[in-house]
């Protein structure tokens, strides 16, 4: 599968960013840690990253999160916008293994494990390192606060990304026709 940005990938990225924005803005569950919510939108960005590649995933999360912050608060909180993009970018590293199989209508254990592994790695990098460090450097936020937020975001977003993203991958693969599944009738 070619990871170059095709017209299909560009359209999917735009749709993904819009869907991410809507879900990120309106579908969230508060956590016990202030300013940290369970966001179902991360399942969307992980799914798009797996199917359309790391760049598409990055743009879906980065643009969707930036739009949500801009519209909701007047300006994006850039440390977390960047972290959102990084989480999807890394999740997209499963693209070369997962996307060709899903496009053939196959989404088995191997594809789901690869997807889950890269998604958890990306989520850990984003929320345990990138967001807290950028919060400290860019906004002079308290160290204990940003790492508590990062840990909570990591746990919630890893779970929702793997579960929702996996469900979406299975559903998407089910819409595809595998090689050799159509035969000529006499």
C-alpha atoms as a PDB file:
ATOM      1  CA  UNK A   1       0.000   0.000   0.000  1.00  0.00           C
ATOM      2  CA  UNK A   2       1.316   3.413  -0.916  1.00  0.00           C
ATOM      3  CA  UNK A   3       1.559   5.893   1.962  1.00  0.00           C
ATOM      4  CA  UNK A   4       1.633   8.938  -0.352  1.00  0.00           C
ATOM      5  CA  UNK A   5      -1.213  11.343   0.130  1.00  0.00           C
ATOM      6  CA  UNK A   6      -3.820  10.417  -2.480  1.00  0.00           C
ATOM      7  CA  UNK A   7      -7.077  12.250  -3.075  1.00  0.00           C
ATOM      8  CA  UNK A   8      -8.773   9.571  -0.962  1.00  0.00           C
ATOM      9  CA  UNK A   9      -6.302  10.208   1.891  1.00  0.00           C
ATOM     10  CA  UNK A  10      -6.750  13.973   1.694  1.00  0.00           C
ATOM     11  CA  UNK A  11     -10.540  13.700   1.781  1.00  0.00           C
ATOM     12  CA  UNK A  12     -10.381  11.149   4.617  1.00  0.00           C
ATOM     13  CA  UNK A  13      -8.037  13.422   6.578  1.00  0.00           C
ATOM     14  CA  UNK A  14     -10.423  16.358   6.236  1.00  0.00           C
ATOM     15  CA  UNK A  15     -13.395  14.246   7.265  1.00  0.00           C
ATOM     16  CA  UNK A  16     -11.399  12.734  10.118  1.00  0.00           C
ATOM     17  CA  UNK A  17     -10.341  16.158  11.416  1.00  0.00           C
ATOM     18  CA  UNK A  18     -13.948  17.370  11.310  1.00  0.00           C
ATOM     19  CA  UNK A  19     -15.178  14.247  13.101  1.00  0.00           C
ATOM     20  CA  UNK A  20     -12.368  14.539  15.663  1.00  0.00           C
ATOM     21  CA  UNK A  21     -13.283  18.209  16.264  1.00  0.00           C
ATOM     22  CA  UNK A  22     -16.975  17.429  16.841  1.00  0.00           C
ATOM     23  CA  UNK A  23     -16.275  14.475  19.146  1.00  0.00           C
ATOM     24  CA  UNK A  24     -13.471  16.281  20.987  1.00  0.00           C
ATOM     25  CA  UNK A  25     -15.705  19.290  21.593  1.00  0.00           C
ATOM     26  CA  UNK A  26     -18.962  17.584  22.515  1.00  0.00           C
ATOM     27  CA  UNK A  27     -18.289  13.978  23.602  1.00  0.00           C
ATOM     28  CA  UNK A  28     -16.079  13.820  26.669  1.00  0.00           C
ATOM     29  CA  UNK A  29     -16.217  12.408  30.165  1.00  0.00           C
ATOM     30  CA  UNK A  30     -14.565  14.372  32.989  1.00  0.00           C
ATOM     31  CA  UNK A  31     -11.891  12.660  35.050  1.00  0.00           C
ATOM     32  CA  UNK A  32     -10.911  13.220  38.691  1.00  0.00           C
ATOM     33  CA  UNK A  33      -7.909  15.244  37.454  1.00  0.00           C
ATOM     34  CA  UNK A  34      -8.780  18.871  36.564  1.00  0.00           C
ATOM     35  CA  UNK A  35      -8.756  19.864  32.881  1.00  0.00           C
ATOM     36  CA  UNK A  36      -8.429  16.214  31.810  1.00  0.00           C
ATOM     37  CA  UNK A  37     -11.245  14.294  30.107  1.00  0.00           C
ATOM     38  CA  UNK A  38     -11.787  10.929  28.521  1.00  0.00           C
ATOM     39  CA  UNK A  39     -12.002  11.813  24.835  1.00  0.00           C
ATOM     40  CA  UNK A  40     -13.536   9.346  22.374  1.00  0.00           C
ATOM     41  CA  UNK A  41     -12.013  11.418  19.563  1.00  0.00           C
ATOM     42  CA  UNK A  42      -8.671   9.666  20.107  1.00  0.00           C
ATOM     43  CA  UNK A  43     -10.185   6.403  18.881  1.00  0.00           C
ATOM     44  CA  UNK A  44     -11.004   8.223  15.634  1.00  0.00           C
ATOM     45  CA  UNK A  45      -7.493   9.627  15.133  1.00  0.00           C
ATOM     46  CA  UNK A  46      -5.900   6.226  15.865  1.00  0.00           C
ATOM     47  CA  UNK A  47      -8.242   4.559  13.349  1.00  0.00           C
ATOM     48  CA  UNK A  48      -7.469   7.136  10.641  1.00  0.00           C
ATOM     49  CA  UNK A  49      -3.739   6.794  11.352  1.00  0.00           C
ATOM     50  CA  UNK A  50      -3.899   3.011  10.925  1.00  0.00           C
ATOM     51  CA  UNK A  51      -5.896   3.147   7.701  1.00  0.00           C
ATOM     52  CA  UNK A  52      -4.468   6.263   6.009  1.00  0.00           C
ATOM     53  CA  UNK A  53      -0.992   6.555   7.554  1.00  0.00           C
ATOM     54  CA  UNK A  54       0.856   8.499  10.221  1.00  0.00           C
ATOM     55  CA  UNK A  55       0.688  11.892   8.476  1.00  0.00           C
ATOM     56  CA  UNK A  56      -3.082  11.614   8.054  1.00  0.00           C
ATOM     57  CA  UNK A  57      -3.432  10.571  11.694  1.00  0.00           C
ATOM     58  CA  UNK A  58      -1.279  13.479  12.854  1.00  0.00           C
ATOM     59  CA  UNK A  59      -3.326  15.972  10.853  1.00  0.00           C
ATOM     60  CA  UNK A  60      -6.672  14.534  12.005  1.00  0.00           C
ATOM     61  CA  UNK A  61      -5.729  14.929  15.689  1.00  0.00           C
ATOM     62  CA  UNK A  62      -3.702  18.140  15.394  1.00  0.00           C
ATOM     63  CA  UNK A  63      -6.217  20.050  13.283  1.00  0.00           C
ATOM     64  CA  UNK A  64      -9.253  18.648  15.114  1.00  0.00           C
ATOM     65  CA  UNK A  65      -7.833  19.489  18.550  1.00  0.00           C
ATOM     66  CA  UNK A  66      -6.637  22.955  17.459  1.00  0.00           C
ATOM     67  CA  UNK A  67     -10.071  23.772  15.986  1.00  0.00           C
ATOM     68  CA  UNK A  68     -11.830  22.601  19.133  1.00  0.00           C
ATOM     69  CA  UNK A  69      -9.596  24.720  21.384  1.00  0.00           C
ATOM     70  CA  UNK A  70      -9.831  27.749  19.111  1.00  0.00           C
ATOM     71  CA  UNK A  71     -13.618  27.628  18.887  1.00  0.00           C
ATOM     72  CA  UNK A  72     -14.162  26.712  22.559  1.00  0.00           C
ATOM     73  CA  UNK A  73     -11.503  28.879  24.234  1.00  0.00           C
ATOM     74  CA  UNK A  74     -10.349  31.444  21.676  1.00  0.00           C
ATOM     75  CA  UNK A  75      -6.876  29.961  21.219  1.00  0.00           C
ATOM     76  CA  UNK A  76      -5.353  26.483  21.167  1.00  0.00           C
ATOM     77  CA  UNK A  77      -3.405  25.075  24.110  1.00  0.00           C
ATOM     78  CA  UNK A  78      -0.485  24.174  21.826  1.00  0.00           C
ATOM     79  CA  UNK A  79       1.287  21.714  24.112  1.00  0.00           C
ATOM     80  CA  UNK A  80      -1.717  19.399  24.117  1.00  0.00           C
ATOM     81  CA  UNK A  81      -2.537  20.030  20.450  1.00  0.00           C
ATOM     82  CA  UNK A  82       0.986  18.892  19.525  1.00  0.00           C
ATOM     83  CA  UNK A  83       0.687  15.903  21.866  1.00  0.00           C
ATOM     84  CA  UNK A  84      -2.603  14.894  20.212  1.00  0.00           C
ATOM     85  CA  UNK A  85      -0.899  14.953  16.832  1.00  0.00           C
ATOM     86  CA  UNK A  86       2.093  12.972  18.104  1.00  0.00           C
ATOM     87  CA  UNK A  87      -0.146  10.282  19.611  1.00  0.00           C
ATOM     88  CA  UNK A  88      -1.838   9.693  16.244  1.00  0.00           C
ATOM     89  CA  UNK A  89       1.406  10.010  14.278  1.00  0.00           C
ATOM     90  CA  UNK A  90       2.996   7.183  16.259  1.00  0.00           C
ATOM     91  CA  UNK A  91      -0.203   5.104  16.146  1.00  0.00           C
ATOM     92  CA  UNK A  92       0.121   5.364  12.368  1.00  0.00           C
ATOM     93  CA  UNK A  93       3.401   3.437  12.441  1.00  0.00           C
ATOM     94  CA  UNK A  94       1.221   0.305  12.206  1.00  0.00           C
ATOM     95  CA  UNK A  95      -0.031   1.533   8.795  1.00  0.00           C
ATOM     96  CA  UNK A  96       2.205  -0.654   6.595  1.00  0.00           C
ATOM     97  CA  UNK A  97       1.169  -3.803   8.483  1.00  0.00           C
ATOM     98  CA  UNK A  98      -2.493  -3.015   9.160  1.00  0.00           C
ATOM     99  CA  UNK A  99      -3.824  -0.981   6.219  1.00  0.00           C
ATOM    100  CA  UNK A 100      -3.131  -3.478   3.388  1.00  0.00           C
ATOM    101  CA  UNK A 101      -4.802  -6.286   5.334  1.00  0.00           C
ATOM    102  CA  UNK A 102      -7.789  -4.167   6.351  1.00  0.00           C
ATOM    103  CA  UNK A 103      -8.244  -3.092   2.726  1.00  0.00           C
ATOM    104  CA  UNK A 104      -8.443  -6.828   1.868  1.00  0.00           C
ATOM    105  CA  UNK A 105     -11.171  -7.280   4.456  1.00  0.00           C
ATOM    106  CA  UNK A 106      -8.884  -8.836   7.060  1.00  0.00           C
ATOM    107  CA  UNK A 107      -8.520  -7.534  10.594  1.00  0.00           C
ATOM    108  CA  UNK A 108      -7.351 -10.355  12.790  1.00  0.00           C
ATOM    109  CA  UNK A 109      -5.324 -10.700  15.940  1.00  0.00           C
ATOM    110  CA  UNK A 110      -2.027  -9.755  14.285  1.00  0.00           C
ATOM    111  CA  UNK A 111      -3.415  -6.497  12.907  1.00  0.00           C
ATOM    112  CA  UNK A 112      -5.165  -5.600  16.167  1.00  0.00           C
ATOM    113  CA  UNK A 113      -2.032  -6.325  18.234  1.00  0.00           C
ATOM    114  CA  UNK A 114       0.112  -4.153  15.964  1.00  0.00           C
ATOM    115  CA  UNK A 115      -2.501  -1.400  16.113  1.00  0.00           C
ATOM    116  CA  UNK A 116      -2.773  -1.632  19.921  1.00  0.00           C
ATOM    117  CA  UNK A 117       0.996  -1.686  20.425  1.00  0.00           C
ATOM    118  CA  UNK A 118       1.702   1.411  18.316  1.00  0.00           C
ATOM    119  CA  UNK A 119      -1.345   3.210  19.704  1.00  0.00           C
ATOM    120  CA  UNK A 120      -0.259   2.666  23.322  1.00  0.00           C
ATOM    121  CA  UNK A 121       3.319   3.708  22.510  1.00  0.00           C
ATOM    122  CA  UNK A 122       2.069   6.890  20.808  1.00  0.00           C
ATOM    123  CA  UNK A 123      -0.308   7.675  23.646  1.00  0.00           C
ATOM    124  CA  UNK A 124       2.422   7.134  26.247  1.00  0.00           C
ATOM    125  CA  UNK A 125       4.875   9.355  24.363  1.00  0.00           C
ATOM    126  CA  UNK A 126       2.275  12.090  23.898  1.00  0.00           C
ATOM    127  CA  UNK A 127       0.821  12.232  27.403  1.00  0.00           C
ATOM    128  CA  UNK A 128       3.678  11.082  29.623  1.00  0.00           C
ATOM    129  CA  UNK A 129       6.398  13.115  27.902  1.00  0.00           C
ATOM    130  CA  UNK A 130       5.405  15.602  25.179  1.00  0.00           C
ATOM    131  CA  UNK A 131       2.392  17.309  26.805  1.00  0.00           C
ATOM    132  CA  UNK A 132       3.864  17.669  30.309  1.00  0.00           C
ATOM    133  CA  UNK A 133       7.265  18.871  29.091  1.00  0.00           C
ATOM    134  CA  UNK A 134       5.728  21.375  26.664  1.00  0.00           C
ATOM    135  CA  UNK A 135       3.329  22.570  29.395  1.00  0.00           C
ATOM    136  CA  UNK A 136       6.323  23.306  31.629  1.00  0.00           C
ATOM    137  CA  UNK A 137       8.444  24.899  28.890  1.00  0.00           C
ATOM    138  CA  UNK A 138       5.720  26.855  27.065  1.00  0.00           C
ATOM    139  CA  UNK A 139       3.318  27.766  29.873  1.00  0.00           C
ATOM    140  CA  UNK A 140       5.362  27.425  33.105  1.00  0.00           C
ATOM    141  CA  UNK A 141       2.760  25.006  34.474  1.00  0.00           C
ATOM    142  CA  UNK A 142       3.451  23.236  37.807  1.00  0.00           C
ATOM    143  CA  UNK A 143       5.363  19.989  37.339  1.00  0.00           C
ATOM    144  CA  UNK A 144       3.152  17.886  39.630  1.00  0.00           C
ATOM    145  CA  UNK A 145      -0.030  19.094  37.926  1.00  0.00           C
ATOM    146  CA  UNK A 146       1.067  18.414  34.349  1.00  0.00           C
ATOM    147  CA  UNK A 147       2.409  14.952  35.079  1.00  0.00           C
ATOM    148  CA  UNK A 148      -0.803  14.023  36.958  1.00  0.00           C
ATOM    149  CA  UNK A 149      -2.825  15.266  33.976  1.00  0.00           C
ATOM    150  CA  UNK A 150      -0.529  13.411  31.586  1.00  0.00           C
ATOM    151  CA  UNK A 151      -0.835  10.138  33.478  1.00  0.00           C
ATOM    152  CA  UNK A 152      -4.631  10.351  33.583  1.00  0.00           C
ATOM    153  CA  UNK A 153      -4.792  11.316  29.893  1.00  0.00           C
ATOM    154  CA  UNK A 154      -2.489   8.410  28.994  1.00  0.00           C
ATOM    155  CA  UNK A 155      -4.620   5.811  30.800  1.00  0.00           C
ATOM    156  CA  UNK A 156      -7.957   7.078  29.473  1.00  0.00           C
ATOM    157  CA  UNK A 157      -6.815   7.811  25.921  1.00  0.00           C
ATOM    158  CA  UNK A 158      -4.890   4.551  25.531  1.00  0.00           C
ATOM    159  CA  UNK A 159      -7.973   2.560  26.516  1.00  0.00           C
ATOM    160  CA  UNK A 160     -10.423   4.493  24.338  1.00  0.00           C
ATOM    161  CA  UNK A 161      -8.008   4.562  21.372  1.00  0.00           C
ATOM    162  CA  UNK A 162      -7.349   0.837  21.415  1.00  0.00           C
ATOM    163  CA  UNK A 163     -10.960  -0.198  22.072  1.00  0.00           C
ATOM    164  CA  UNK A 164     -12.801   2.252  19.799  1.00  0.00           C
ATOM    165  CA  UNK A 165     -10.068   2.245  17.155  1.00  0.00           C
ATOM    166  CA  UNK A 166     -10.042  -1.576  17.137  1.00  0.00           C
ATOM    167  CA  UNK A 167     -13.816  -1.720  16.763  1.00  0.00           C
ATOM    168  CA  UNK A 168     -13.647   0.753  13.875  1.00  0.00           C
ATOM    169  CA  UNK A 169     -10.868  -1.250  12.184  1.00  0.00           C
ATOM    170  CA  UNK A 170     -12.905  -4.460  12.433  1.00  0.00           C
ATOM    171  CA  UNK A 171     -16.025  -2.713  11.122  1.00  0.00           C
ATOM    172  CA  UNK A 172     -14.135  -1.040   8.266  1.00  0.00           C
ATOM    173  CA  UNK A 173     -12.469  -4.325   7.260  1.00  0.00           C
ATOM    174  CA  UNK A 174     -15.897  -5.972   7.204  1.00  0.00           C
ATOM    175  CA  UNK A 175     -16.971  -3.527   4.481  1.00  0.00           C
ATOM    176  CA  UNK A 176     -14.102  -4.587   2.192  1.00  0.00           C
ATOM    177  CA  UNK A 177     -14.101  -7.490  -0.222  1.00  0.00           C
ATOM    178  CA  UNK A 178     -11.078  -9.737   0.173  1.00  0.00           C
ATOM    179  CA  UNK A 179      -8.995 -11.070  -2.688  1.00  0.00           C
ATOM    180  CA  UNK A 180     -10.521 -14.134  -4.272  1.00  0.00           C
ATOM    181  CA  UNK A 181     -13.835 -13.814  -2.468  1.00  0.00           C
ATOM    182  CA  UNK A 182     -15.764 -13.071  -5.638  1.00  0.00           C
ATOM    183  CA  UNK A 183     -16.118 -15.897  -8.076  1.00  0.00           C
ATOM    184  CA  UNK A 184     -17.678 -16.124 -11.495  1.00  0.00           C
ATOM    185  CA  UNK A 185     -21.063 -17.833 -11.489  1.00  0.00           C
ATOM    186  CA  UNK A 186     -21.933 -20.227 -14.292  1.00  0.00           C
END
